[in-house]
Amino acid sequence: MGEYQRKTILKNDCSIEKTINVISGKWKPAILNELLKTNLRLKDIQKGLPEASKRALTQQLKELTKDGLIKKKDFNQYPKKTEYSLTSLGTQLRTVFTELSKFGDNL
């Protein structure tokens, strides 16, 4: 599974389209929603999304990291420990997700 490539050019003058582009993906909303609550390791994310493959989750995490919404912290220990958390840009999604949740409750 390679990185998703857009077929149309992203309009840089449309803030909504830019936002939707970085938060859309099969597992990105669920990952971000959980990271809004607490920092997580990959195994914790997998427990919360058992239907998602490890490969798909790691790809989505990599994209979210590249887009600056989350950060990955590797601990210098054995066995290896890696933790994901939101960046300050990612935490700005809290109100967006709150409003999306309210909207979804009304559907």
Protein backbone atom coordinates (compact mmCIF):
# COMPACT_ATOMS: atom_id res chain seq x y z
CA MET A 1 0.00 0.00 0.00
CA GLY A 2 1.70 3.17 -1.20
CA GLU A 3 0.98 6.69 -0.15
CA TYR A 4 -2.24 8.08 -1.58
CA GLN A 5 -1.72 10.32 -4.60
CA ARG A 6 -4.37 12.94 -5.43
CA LYS A 7 -5.69 12.87 -8.97
CA THR A 8 -6.64 16.56 -8.88
CA ILE A 9 -4.57 19.47 -7.68
CA LEU A 10 -5.32 20.61 -4.13
CA LYS A 11 -6.66 24.16 -4.11
CA ASN A 12 -4.42 26.10 -1.74
CA ASP A 13 -6.96 28.91 -1.57
CA CYS A 14 -9.63 26.67 0.01
CA SER A 15 -8.95 26.13 3.73
CA ILE A 16 -11.78 23.61 4.10
CA GLU A 17 -10.44 21.44 1.29
CA LYS A 18 -6.93 21.54 2.78
CA THR A 19 -8.28 20.52 6.20
CA ILE A 20 -10.39 17.68 4.82
CA ASN A 21 -7.42 16.48 2.79
CA VAL A 22 -5.20 16.03 5.87
CA ILE A 23 -7.84 14.48 8.16
CA SER A 24 -9.50 12.20 5.64
CA GLY A 25 -8.41 8.62 5.33
CA LYS A 26 -10.01 5.38 6.34
CA TRP A 27 -8.58 5.41 9.88
CA LYS A 28 -7.34 8.99 10.37
CA PRO A 29 -10.51 10.37 12.06
CA ALA A 30 -10.58 7.46 14.52
CA ILE A 31 -6.84 7.77 15.25
CA LEU A 32 -7.09 11.53 15.78
CA ASN A 33 -10.18 11.16 17.95
CA GLU A 34 -8.35 8.75 20.26
CA LEU A 35 -5.22 10.90 20.35
CA LEU A 36 -7.36 13.85 21.43
CA LYS A 37 -7.99 11.87 24.64
CA THR A 38 -4.48 10.56 25.38
CA ASN A 39 -1.10 9.62 23.95
CA LEU A 40 -1.07 6.13 22.47
CA ARG A 41 1.23 3.37 21.31
CA LEU A 42 0.56 1.51 18.07
CA LYS A 43 -0.65 -1.56 19.98
CA ASP A 44 -3.23 0.59 21.81
CA ILE A 45 -4.48 2.02 18.53
CA GLN A 46 -4.72 -1.51 17.14
CA LYS A 47 -6.80 -2.62 20.15
CA GLY A 48 -9.24 0.23 19.55
CA LEU A 49 -9.45 -0.51 15.81
CA PRO A 50 -9.20 -4.31 15.51
CA GLU A 51 -10.60 -4.28 11.97
CA ALA A 52 -7.68 -2.12 10.75
CA SER A 53 -4.50 -3.82 9.60
CA LYS A 54 -1.21 -2.86 11.23
CA ARG A 55 0.08 -1.83 7.81
CA ALA A 56 -2.86 0.52 7.17
CA LEU A 57 -2.53 2.09 10.62
CA THR A 58 1.22 2.66 10.29
CA GLN A 59 0.67 4.26 6.87
CA GLN A 60 -2.00 6.59 8.24
CA LEU A 61 0.19 7.45 11.26
CA LYS A 62 3.08 8.22 8.91
CA GLU A 63 0.87 10.55 6.84
CA LEU A 64 -0.46 12.32 9.94
CA THR A 65 3.12 12.79 11.15
CA LYS A 66 4.22 14.14 7.76
CA ASP A 67 1.29 16.59 7.78
CA GLY A 68 2.33 17.84 11.24
CA LEU A 69 -0.79 16.73 13.15
CA ILE A 70 0.91 14.11 15.31
CA LYS A 71 4.40 13.41 16.55
CA LYS A 72 6.15 10.13 17.16
CA LYS A 73 8.38 9.68 20.19
CA ASP A 74 10.78 6.75 20.31
CA PHE A 75 11.96 5.76 23.78
CA ASN A 76 15.52 4.51 24.09
CA GLN A 77 14.72 1.20 25.76
CA TYR A 78 14.32 -2.50 25.08
CA PRO A 79 11.83 -3.67 24.02
CA LYS A 80 11.32 -0.75 21.68
CA LYS A 81 8.61 1.68 22.76
CA THR A 82 7.06 4.30 20.49
CA GLU A 83 4.31 6.69 21.48
CA TYR A 84 2.15 8.95 19.34
CA SER A 85 0.72 12.27 20.48
CA LEU A 86 -0.86 15.33 18.93
CA THR A 87 1.18 18.37 18.01
CA SER A 88 -0.11 21.85 18.82
CA LEU A 89 -1.55 21.92 15.28
CA GLY A 90 -3.29 18.59 15.92
CA THR A 91 -4.85 19.77 19.17
CA GLN A 92 -6.55 22.56 17.22
CA LEU A 93 -8.77 19.81 15.77
CA ARG A 94 -10.51 19.34 19.14
CA THR A 95 -13.26 21.88 18.35
CA VAL A 96 -13.57 20.56 14.79
CA PHE A 97 -14.11 17.01 16.05
CA THR A 98 -16.53 18.22 18.73
CA GLU A 99 -18.65 19.92 16.08
CA LEU A 100 -18.42 16.94 13.72
CA SER A 101 -19.61 14.72 16.56
CA LYS A 102 -22.57 16.99 17.29
CA PHE A 103 -23.46 17.01 13.61
CA GLY A 104 -23.23 13.22 13.42
CA ASP A 105 -25.50 12.85 16.45
CA ASN A 106 -28.20 14.75 14.54
CA LEU A 107 -28.10 12.47 11.49
